[in-house]
C-alpha atoms as a PDB file:
ATOM      1  CA  UNK A   1     214.047  14.297 125.071  1.00  0.00           C
ATOM      2  CA  UNK A   2     214.497  10.741 122.606  1.00  0.00           C
ATOM      3  CA  UNK A   3     216.325   7.689 122.894  1.00  0.00           C
ATOM      4  CA  UNK A   4     216.403   5.370 120.757  1.00  0.00           C
ATOM      5  CA  UNK A   5     217.917   1.496 120.947  1.00  0.00           C
ATOM      6  CA  UNK A   6     218.439  -0.272 118.335  1.00  0.00           C
ATOM      7  CA  UNK A   7     221.252  -3.388 116.939  1.00  0.00           C
ATOM      8  CA  UNK A   8     221.633  -4.325 113.200  1.00  0.00           C
ATOM      9  CA  UNK A   9     222.108  -7.201 112.133  1.00  0.00           C
ATOM     10  CA  UNK A  10     222.904  -8.376 107.668  1.00  0.00           C
ATOM     11  CA  UNK A  11     223.563 -12.731 107.191  1.00  0.00           C
ATOM     12  CA  UNK A  12     223.680 -13.890 103.309  1.00  0.00           C
ATOM     13  CA  UNK A  13     221.533 -15.691 103.538  1.00  0.00           C
ATOM     14  CA  UNK A  14     221.185 -19.809 102.151  1.00  0.00           C
ATOM     15  CA  UNK A  15     222.600 -19.361  98.245  1.00  0.00           C
ATOM     16  CA  UNK A  16     224.694 -16.366  99.036  1.00  0.00           C
ATOM     17  CA  UNK A  17     228.458 -17.014  99.051  1.00  0.00           C
ATOM     18  CA  UNK A  18     229.325 -13.490  99.413  1.00  0.00           C
ATOM     19  CA  UNK A  19     227.694 -11.113 101.763  1.00  0.00           C
ATOM     20  CA  UNK A  20     226.691  -8.500  98.833  1.00  0.00           C
ATOM     21  CA  UNK A  21     225.196  -6.160 101.293  1.00  0.00           C
ATOM     22  CA  UNK A  22     226.286  -3.709 103.887  1.00  0.00           C
ATOM     23  CA  UNK A  23     224.709  -1.621 106.849  1.00  0.00           C
ATOM     24  CA  UNK A  24     226.631   1.307 109.509  1.00  0.00           C
ATOM     25  CA  UNK A  25     225.511   2.505 113.107  1.00  0.00           C
ATOM     26  CA  UNK A  26     227.161   4.893 115.118  1.00  0.00           C
ATOM     27  CA  UNK A  27     227.886   4.529 118.171  1.00  0.00           C
ATOM     28  CA  UNK A  28     226.216   7.453 119.173  1.00  0.00           C
ATOM     29  CA  UNK A  29     222.765   6.329 117.524  1.00  0.00           C
ATOM     30  CA  UNK A  30     222.694   9.662 115.212  1.00  0.00           C
ATOM     31  CA  UNK A  31     222.020   7.692 111.937  1.00  0.00           C
ATOM     32  CA  UNK A  32     221.481   4.463 110.633  1.00  0.00           C
ATOM     33  CA  UNK A  33     222.268   3.414 106.483  1.00  0.00           C
ATOM     34  CA  UNK A  34     221.437   0.303 104.971  1.00  0.00           C
ATOM     35  CA  UNK A  35     223.089  -0.839 100.997  1.00  0.00           C
ATOM     36  CA  UNK A  36     222.735  -4.264  98.939  1.00  0.00           C
ATOM     37  CA  UNK A  37     224.800  -4.036  96.505  1.00  0.00           C
ATOM     38  CA  UNK A  38     225.003  -5.618  92.883  1.00  0.00           C
ATOM     39  CA  UNK A  39     226.832  -5.790  90.292  1.00  0.00           C
ATOM     40  CA  UNK A  40     228.820  -9.462  90.491  1.00  0.00           C
ATOM     41  CA  UNK A  41     230.513 -11.049  94.307  1.00  0.00           C
ATOM     42  CA  UNK A  42     233.464  -8.346  93.686  1.00  0.00           C
ATOM     43  CA  UNK A  43     231.391  -4.828  92.317  1.00  0.00           C
ATOM     44  CA  UNK A  44     228.181  -5.469  94.857  1.00  0.00           C
ATOM     45  CA  UNK A  45     230.615  -5.510  97.815  1.00  0.00           C
ATOM     46  CA  UNK A  46     233.216  -2.796  96.953  1.00  0.00           C
ATOM     47  CA  UNK A  47     229.348  -0.749  95.926  1.00  0.00           C
ATOM     48  CA  UNK A  48     227.401  -1.066  99.331  1.00  0.00           C
ATOM     49  CA  UNK A  49     231.128  -0.530 100.941  1.00  0.00           C
ATOM     50  CA  UNK A  50     232.000   2.601  99.609  1.00  0.00           C
ATOM     51  CA  UNK A  51     228.545   4.049  99.517  1.00  0.00           C
ATOM     52  CA  UNK A  52     227.974   3.388 103.327  1.00  0.00           C
ATOM     53  CA  UNK A  53     231.361   4.278 104.477  1.00  0.00           C
ATOM     54  CA  UNK A  54     231.030   8.044 102.253  1.00  0.00           C
ATOM     55  CA  UNK A  55     227.289   8.643 103.548  1.00  0.00           C
ATOM     56  CA  UNK A  56     229.560   8.015 107.042  1.00  0.00           C
ATOM     57  CA  UNK A  57     232.455   9.677 106.366  1.00  0.00           C
ATOM     58  CA  UNK A  58     230.732  12.425 104.673  1.00  0.00           C
ATOM     59  CA  UNK A  59     227.684  13.087 107.820  1.00  0.00           C
ATOM     60  CA  UNK A  60     230.697  12.403 109.816  1.00  0.00           C
ATOM     61  CA  UNK A  61     232.481  15.724 109.279  1.00  0.00           C
ATOM     62  CA  UNK A  62     229.191  17.132 108.396  1.00  0.00           C
ATOM     63  CA  UNK A  63     227.338  16.859 111.244  1.00  0.00           C
ATOM     64  CA  UNK A  64     227.178  20.470 113.069  1.00  0.00           C
ATOM     65  CA  UNK A  65     227.232  22.461 109.842  1.00  0.00           C
ATOM     66  CA  UNK A  66     224.049  24.821 109.827  1.00  0.00           C
ATOM     67  CA  UNK A  67     223.056  22.876 106.115  1.00  0.00           C
ATOM     68  CA  UNK A  68     219.785  21.226 105.631  1.00  0.00           C
ATOM     69  CA  UNK A  69     218.979  18.294 106.348  1.00  0.00           C
ATOM     70  CA  UNK A  70     217.895  17.320 103.301  1.00  0.00           C
ATOM     71  CA  UNK A  71     220.639  19.236 101.192  1.00  0.00           C
ATOM     72  CA  UNK A  72     222.639  17.547 103.458  1.00  0.00           C
ATOM     73  CA  UNK A  73     221.615  14.007 102.687  1.00  0.00           C
ATOM     74  CA  UNK A  74     220.695  14.587  99.286  1.00  0.00           C
ATOM     75  CA  UNK A  75     224.493  15.711  99.315  1.00  0.00           C
ATOM     76  CA  UNK A  76     225.900  12.772 100.905  1.00  0.00           C
ATOM     77  CA  UNK A  77     224.382  10.682  98.746  1.00  0.00           C
ATOM     78  CA  UNK A  78     225.258  12.733  95.573  1.00  0.00           C
ATOM     79  CA  UNK A  79     228.878  12.263  96.342  1.00  0.00           C
ATOM     80  CA  UNK A  80     229.051   8.189  97.579  1.00  0.00           C
ATOM     81  CA  UNK A  81     227.187   8.363  93.591  1.00  0.00           C
ATOM     82  CA  UNK A  82     229.965   9.974  92.497  1.00  0.00           C
ATOM     83  CA  UNK A  83     232.967   7.827  94.778  1.00  0.00           C
ATOM     84  CA  UNK A  84     231.234   4.308  92.869  1.00  0.00           C
ATOM     85  CA  UNK A  85     231.184   5.796  89.471  1.00  0.00           C
ATOM     86  CA  UNK A  86     234.396   6.586  90.345  1.00  0.00           C
ATOM     87  CA  UNK A  87     235.035   3.524  91.517  1.00  0.00           C
ATOM     88  CA  UNK A  88     234.755   2.722  88.095  1.00  0.00           C
ATOM     89  CA  UNK A  89     236.311   3.607  86.148  1.00  0.00           C
ATOM     90  CA  UNK A  90     239.557   2.706  87.676  1.00  0.00           C
ATOM     91  CA  UNK A  91     238.286  -1.046  87.306  1.00  0.00           C
ATOM     92  CA  UNK A  92     236.707  -2.137  84.329  1.00  0.00           C
ATOM     93  CA  UNK A  93     235.694  -5.143  85.725  1.00  0.00           C
ATOM     94  CA  UNK A  94     232.881  -3.932  88.186  1.00  0.00           C
ATOM     95  CA  UNK A  95     231.522  -1.223  85.258  1.00  0.00           C
ATOM     96  CA  UNK A  96     228.131  -2.966  85.983  1.00  0.00           C
ATOM     97  CA  UNK A  97     228.343  -2.528  89.756  1.00  0.00           C
ATOM     98  CA  UNK A  98     225.804  -0.156  91.524  1.00  0.00           C
ATOM     99  CA  UNK A  99     223.896  -0.128  94.931  1.00  0.00           C
ATOM    100  CA  UNK A 100     220.937   0.731  96.916  1.00  0.00           C
ATOM    101  CA  UNK A 101     220.722   2.876  99.861  1.00  0.00           C
ATOM    102  CA  UNK A 102     218.595   3.504 102.654  1.00  0.00           C
ATOM    103  CA  UNK A 103     219.294   6.424 106.549  1.00  0.00           C
ATOM    104  CA  UNK A 104     218.046   8.050 108.711  1.00  0.00           C
ATOM    105  CA  UNK A 105     219.229  10.516 110.576  1.00  0.00           C
ATOM    106  CA  UNK A 106     218.228  12.860 113.819  1.00  0.00           C
ATOM    107  CA  UNK A 107     220.362  15.591 114.298  1.00  0.00           C
ATOM    108  CA  UNK A 108     220.433  17.530 117.055  1.00  0.00           C
ATOM    109  CA  UNK A 109     218.675  21.162 114.990  1.00  0.00           C
ATOM    110  CA  UNK A 110     215.724  19.413 113.837  1.00  0.00           C
ATOM    111  CA  UNK A 111     212.536  18.838 114.362  1.00  0.00           C
ATOM    112  CA  UNK A 112     211.948  15.663 113.252  1.00  0.00           C
ATOM    113  CA  UNK A 113     214.448  12.913 112.113  1.00  0.00           C
ATOM    114  CA  UNK A 114     215.320  13.097 108.323  1.00  0.00           C
ATOM    115  CA  UNK A 115     214.451   9.613 105.668  1.00  0.00           C
ATOM    116  CA  UNK A 116     216.815   9.515 102.186  1.00  0.00           C
ATOM    117  CA  UNK A 117     216.576   6.503 100.015  1.00  0.00           C
ATOM    118  CA  UNK A 118     218.286   4.777  96.501  1.00  0.00           C
ATOM    119  CA  UNK A 119     216.192   1.952  95.443  1.00  0.00           C
ATOM    120  CA  UNK A 120     214.724  -0.686  97.176  1.00  0.00           C
ATOM    121  CA  UNK A 121     216.025  -0.606 100.415  1.00  0.00           C
ATOM    122  CA  UNK A 122     212.929   0.100 102.594  1.00  0.00           C
ATOM    123  CA  UNK A 123     212.324   1.418 105.698  1.00  0.00           C
ATOM    124  CA  UNK A 124     209.330   0.717 107.918  1.00  0.00           C
ATOM    125  CA  UNK A 125     207.111   2.329 110.837  1.00  0.00           C
ATOM    126  CA  UNK A 126     205.753   0.034 113.332  1.00  0.00           C
ATOM    127  CA  UNK A 127     202.919   1.822 115.830  1.00  0.00           C
ATOM    128  CA  UNK A 128     200.678  -0.610 117.877  1.00  0.00           C
ATOM    129  CA  UNK A 129     199.912  -2.977 115.482  1.00  0.00           C
ATOM    130  CA  UNK A 130     200.071  -0.580 112.384  1.00  0.00           C
ATOM    131  CA  UNK A 131     202.965  -1.290 110.238  1.00  0.00           C
ATOM    132  CA  UNK A 132     203.275   1.431 107.529  1.00  0.00           C
ATOM    133  CA  UNK A 133     206.475   1.104 104.504  1.00  0.00           C
ATOM    134  CA  UNK A 134     207.521   4.635 104.893  1.00  0.00           C
ATOM    135  CA  UNK A 135     209.578   4.774 101.464  1.00  0.00           C
ATOM    136  CA  UNK A 136     208.766   4.640  98.079  1.00  0.00           C
ATOM    137  CA  UNK A 137     210.477   1.392  95.750  1.00  0.00           C
ATOM    138  CA  UNK A 138     212.620   3.459  92.977  1.00  0.00           C
ATOM    139  CA  UNK A 139     211.470  -0.208  90.720  1.00  0.00           C
ATOM    140  CA  UNK A 140     210.070  -0.861  87.814  1.00  0.00           C
ATOM    141  CA  UNK A 141     206.939  -2.926  89.776  1.00  0.00           C
ATOM    142  CA  UNK A 142     206.283  -0.225  92.264  1.00  0.00           C
ATOM    143  CA  UNK A 143     205.646   2.332  88.933  1.00  0.00           C
ATOM    144  CA  UNK A 144     203.609   0.782  87.076  1.00  0.00           C
ATOM    145  CA  UNK A 145     201.141  -0.457  90.315  1.00  0.00           C
ATOM    146  CA  UNK A 146     200.685   3.605  91.126  1.00  0.00           C
ATOM    147  CA  UNK A 147     199.851   2.876  86.837  1.00  0.00           C
ATOM    148  CA  UNK A 148     197.496   0.464  87.645  1.00  0.00           C
ATOM    149  CA  UNK A 149     199.508  -1.789  84.894  1.00  0.00           C
ATOM    150  CA  UNK A 150     199.867  -4.241  87.592  1.00  0.00           C
ATOM    151  CA  UNK A 151     198.690  -5.586  90.730  1.00  0.00           C
ATOM    152  CA  UNK A 152     199.918  -5.283  93.801  1.00  0.00           C
ATOM    153  CA  UNK A 153     199.608  -9.273  93.921  1.00  0.00           C
ATOM    154  CA  UNK A 154     200.179  -9.429  90.638  1.00  0.00           C
ATOM    155  CA  UNK A 155     203.660  -8.776  90.974  1.00  0.00           C
ATOM    156  CA  UNK A 156     205.167 -10.362  93.789  1.00  0.00           C
ATOM    157  CA  UNK A 157     206.359 -12.804  90.948  1.00  0.00           C
ATOM    158  CA  UNK A 158     206.536 -11.080  87.907  1.00  0.00           C
ATOM    159  CA  UNK A 159     209.555 -11.645  86.270  1.00  0.00           C
ATOM    160  CA  UNK A 160     210.461  -7.645  86.196  1.00  0.00           C
ATOM    161  CA  UNK A 161     210.400  -7.376  90.038  1.00  0.00           C
ATOM    162  CA  UNK A 162     213.780  -6.482  90.943  1.00  0.00           C
ATOM    163  CA  UNK A 163     214.196  -4.281  87.854  1.00  0.00           C
ATOM    164  CA  UNK A 164     215.542  -0.407  89.247  1.00  0.00           C
ATOM    165  CA  UNK A 165     214.557   2.689  88.373  1.00  0.00           C
ATOM    166  CA  UNK A 166     217.758   4.084  90.360  1.00  0.00           C
ATOM    167  CA  UNK A 167     220.526   3.130  92.054  1.00  0.00           C
ATOM    168  CA  UNK A 168     224.388   4.772  93.001  1.00  0.00           C
ATOM    169  CA  UNK A 169     226.341   4.007  90.668  1.00  0.00           C
ATOM    170  CA  UNK A 170     224.168   5.566  88.444  1.00  0.00           C
ATOM    171  CA  UNK A 171     225.023   8.787  86.072  1.00  0.00           C
ATOM    172  CA  UNK A 172     221.358   9.493  85.525  1.00  0.00           C
ATOM    173  CA  UNK A 173     221.247   9.350  88.456  1.00  0.00           C
ATOM    174  CA  UNK A 174     218.113  11.726  89.187  1.00  0.00           C
ATOM    175  CA  UNK A 175     216.056  10.472  92.086  1.00  0.00           C
ATOM    176  CA  UNK A 176     216.632  11.021  95.874  1.00  0.00           C
ATOM    177  CA  UNK A 177     213.801  10.235  98.253  1.00  0.00           C
ATOM    178  CA  UNK A 178     214.105  12.480 101.130  1.00  0.00           C
ATOM    179  CA  UNK A 179     211.826  12.985 103.585  1.00  0.00           C
ATOM    180  CA  UNK A 180     211.699  14.009 107.321  1.00  0.00           C
ATOM    181  CA  UNK A 181     210.175  11.686 109.321  1.00  0.00           C
ATOM    182  CA  UNK A 182     207.222  11.398 111.688  1.00  0.00           C
ATOM    183  CA  UNK A 183     208.341   9.694 115.240  1.00  0.00           C
ATOM    184  CA  UNK A 184     205.682   8.828 119.020  1.00  0.00           C
ATOM    185  CA  UNK A 185     206.772   7.206 121.543  1.00  0.00           C
ATOM    186  CA  UNK A 186     207.232   3.253 121.073  1.00  0.00           C
ATOM    187  CA  UNK A 187     207.128   3.830 117.696  1.00  0.00           C
ATOM    188  CA  UNK A 188     209.829   1.402 115.612  1.00  0.00           C
ATOM    189  CA  UNK A 189     211.731   1.737 112.508  1.00  0.00           C
ATOM    190  CA  UNK A 190     213.037  -1.204 110.778  1.00  0.00           C
ATOM    191  CA  UNK A 191     215.437  -0.765 107.734  1.00  0.00           C
ATOM    192  CA  UNK A 192     216.036  -3.274 105.574  1.00  0.00           C
ATOM    193  CA  UNK A 193     217.393  -5.201 102.353  1.00  0.00           C
ATOM    194  CA  UNK A 194     214.846  -6.636  99.870  1.00  0.00           C
ATOM    195  CA  UNK A 195     216.905 -10.610 100.896  1.00  0.00           C
ATOM    196  CA  UNK A 196     213.543  -9.314 103.942  1.00  0.00           C
ATOM    197  CA  UNK A 197     210.775  -8.046 102.362  1.00  0.00           C
ATOM    198  CA  UNK A 198     211.337 -11.276  99.576  1.00  0.00           C
ATOM    199  CA  UNK A 199     211.113 -13.532 102.139  1.00  0.00           C
ATOM    200  CA  UNK A 200     208.612 -11.900 104.407  1.00  0.00           C
ATOM    201  CA  UNK A 201     205.089 -10.588 103.960  1.00  0.00           C
ATOM    202  CA  UNK A 202     204.828  -7.273 105.880  1.00  0.00           C
ATOM    203  CA  UNK A 203     201.853  -8.793 107.741  1.00  0.00           C
ATOM    204  CA  UNK A 204     205.183 -11.475 108.589  1.00  0.00           C
ATOM    205  CA  UNK A 205     207.792  -8.709 109.809  1.00  0.00           C
ATOM    206  CA  UNK A 206     205.002  -6.255 111.560  1.00  0.00           C
ATOM    207  CA  UNK A 207     204.411  -9.828 113.435  1.00  0.00           C
ATOM    208  CA  UNK A 208     208.073 -10.347 114.308  1.00  0.00           C
ATOM    209  CA  UNK A 209     208.757  -6.616 115.676  1.00  0.00           C
ATOM    210  CA  UNK A 210     204.962  -6.695 117.841  1.00  0.00           C
ATOM    211  CA  UNK A 211     205.816  -9.704 119.021  1.00  0.00           C
ATOM    212  CA  UNK A 212     209.520  -9.748 119.980  1.00  0.00           C
ATOM    213  CA  UNK A 213     210.485  -5.984 121.912  1.00  0.00           C
ATOM    214  CA  UNK A 214     213.590  -6.291 122.039  1.00  0.00           C
ATOM    215  CA  UNK A 215     215.900  -4.654 119.809  1.00  0.00           C
ATOM    216  CA  UNK A 216     218.583  -7.373 118.390  1.00  0.00           C
ATOM    217  CA  UNK A 217     216.081 -10.044 119.216  1.00  0.00           C
ATOM    218  CA  UNK A 218     213.580  -8.561 116.424  1.00  0.00           C
ATOM    219  CA  UNK A 219     216.679  -8.341 114.135  1.00  0.00           C
ATOM    220  CA  UNK A 220     217.492 -12.385 114.427  1.00  0.00           C
ATOM    221  CA  UNK A 221     214.302 -13.114 114.512  1.00  0.00           C
ATOM    222  CA  UNK A 222     213.093 -11.268 111.038  1.00  0.00           C
ATOM    223  CA  UNK A 223     217.146 -12.549 109.480  1.00  0.00           C
ATOM    224  CA  UNK A 224     216.123 -16.119 110.821  1.00  0.00           C
ATOM    225  CA  UNK A 225     213.005 -16.387 109.357  1.00  0.00           C
ATOM    226  CA  UNK A 226     213.761 -14.716 105.879  1.00  0.00           C
ATOM    227  CA  UNK A 227     216.065 -18.215 105.538  1.00  0.00           C
ATOM    228  CA  UNK A 228     213.897 -20.228 107.047  1.00  0.00           C
ATOM    229  CA  UNK A 229     210.952 -18.775 104.221  1.00  0.00           C
ATOM    230  CA  UNK A 230     213.951 -19.752 101.403  1.00  0.00           C
ATOM    231  CA  UNK A 231     217.083 -17.082 102.416  1.00  0.00           C
ATOM    232  CA  UNK A 232     217.153 -16.610  98.788  1.00  0.00           C
ATOM    233  CA  UNK A 233     219.188 -13.643  98.968  1.00  0.00           C
ATOM    234  CA  UNK A 234     221.320 -11.532 100.822  1.00  0.00           C
ATOM    235  CA  UNK A 235     219.809 -10.131 104.668  1.00  0.00           C
ATOM    236  CA  UNK A 236     220.266  -6.527 106.288  1.00  0.00           C
ATOM    237  CA  UNK A 237     217.640  -5.712 108.854  1.00  0.00           C
ATOM    238  CA  UNK A 238     218.805  -2.446 111.547  1.00  0.00           C
ATOM    239  CA  UNK A 239     216.044  -2.071 114.138  1.00  0.00           C
ATOM    240  CA  UNK A 240     215.521   1.105 116.201  1.00  0.00           C
ATOM    241  CA  UNK A 241     212.835   1.150 119.158  1.00  0.00           C
ATOM    242  CA  UNK A 242     211.770   4.991 119.706  1.00  0.00           C
ATOM    243  CA  UNK A 243     211.006   6.368 123.198  1.00  0.00           C
ATOM    244  CA  UNK A 244     210.303  10.166 123.280  1.00  0.00           C
ATOM    245  CA  UNK A 245     209.251  11.780 127.371  1.00  0.00           C
ATOM    246  CA  UNK A 246     209.032  15.117 125.853  1.00  0.00           C
ATOM    247  CA  UNK A 247     206.454  14.477 122.603  1.00  0.00           C
ATOM    248  CA  UNK A 248     207.410  18.138 120.885  1.00  0.00           C
ATOM    249  CA  UNK A 249     211.177  16.431 120.299  1.00  0.00           C
ATOM    250  CA  UNK A 250     211.854  13.673 117.297  1.00  0.00           C
ATOM    251  CA  UNK A 251     215.340  13.774 117.969  1.00  0.00           C
ATOM    252  CA  UNK A 252     218.180  12.193 120.150  1.00  0.00           C
ATOM    253  CA  UNK A 253     220.727  13.502 122.481  1.00  0.00           C
ATOM    254  CA  UNK A 254     222.680  10.397 123.503  1.00  0.00           C
ATOM    255  CA  UNK A 255     221.690   7.119 122.416  1.00  0.00           C
ATOM    256  CA  UNK A 256     222.657   3.346 123.731  1.00  0.00           C
ATOM    257  CA  UNK A 257     223.807   0.895 121.265  1.00  0.00           C
ATOM    258  CA  UNK A 258     222.075  -2.144 123.671  1.00  0.00           C
ATOM    259  CA  UNK A 259     219.116  -3.166 123.846  1.00  0.00           C
ATOM    260  CA  UNK A 260     220.034  -3.593 127.831  1.00  0.00           C
END
């Protein structure tokens, strides 16, 4: 059976007076959520909180349902989108709020973990010395890079690099990234908001994950490193260490919630 050690941390950063990020770690390690809200102080906080709480409640209530995980995740994120839209209608002052989100699940009935995401909150996998971004940003700049219109080097300082093509809190939500995950024993997963990736290159993220094995210590180091390089946005990270004694199994049954 797969076991998973994990830790999470969220920090407002150095320039923001509030933290519009939110995250949730299921105590049994069944699922993990990171959300990055937008739309002003109150709006961003409410959007990320609504998304996290709605997804958490939906997954808890339907965890043992016969529904396939891909459909379960799609339903959870759509329900979160609806919750934010309903709040916008009830509170016009939060009418422009929205949030990105990334979710990872480990269901006992699945042969592999699954991920769902909207926006530019990311999931990374470190395997050995290789760090790979498993999610594809829903941003204007990511589409421009894929189309060959902008180079990766140009994208780092492009004025439109933060323009989202998808987020929760919009009537036109049409794209939810959902995929199974390939995991081996010893892999590490990182869920994070763009407050981390705006300050740290993939090389620096990999360096921290390779050199610091304890999840809590790695999470602290990542956040502190982002703050040392500017900390211009809220920073949220969730780090998971995966162990697969049986290589044919890709889901945990009991999951500790500390590094001890």
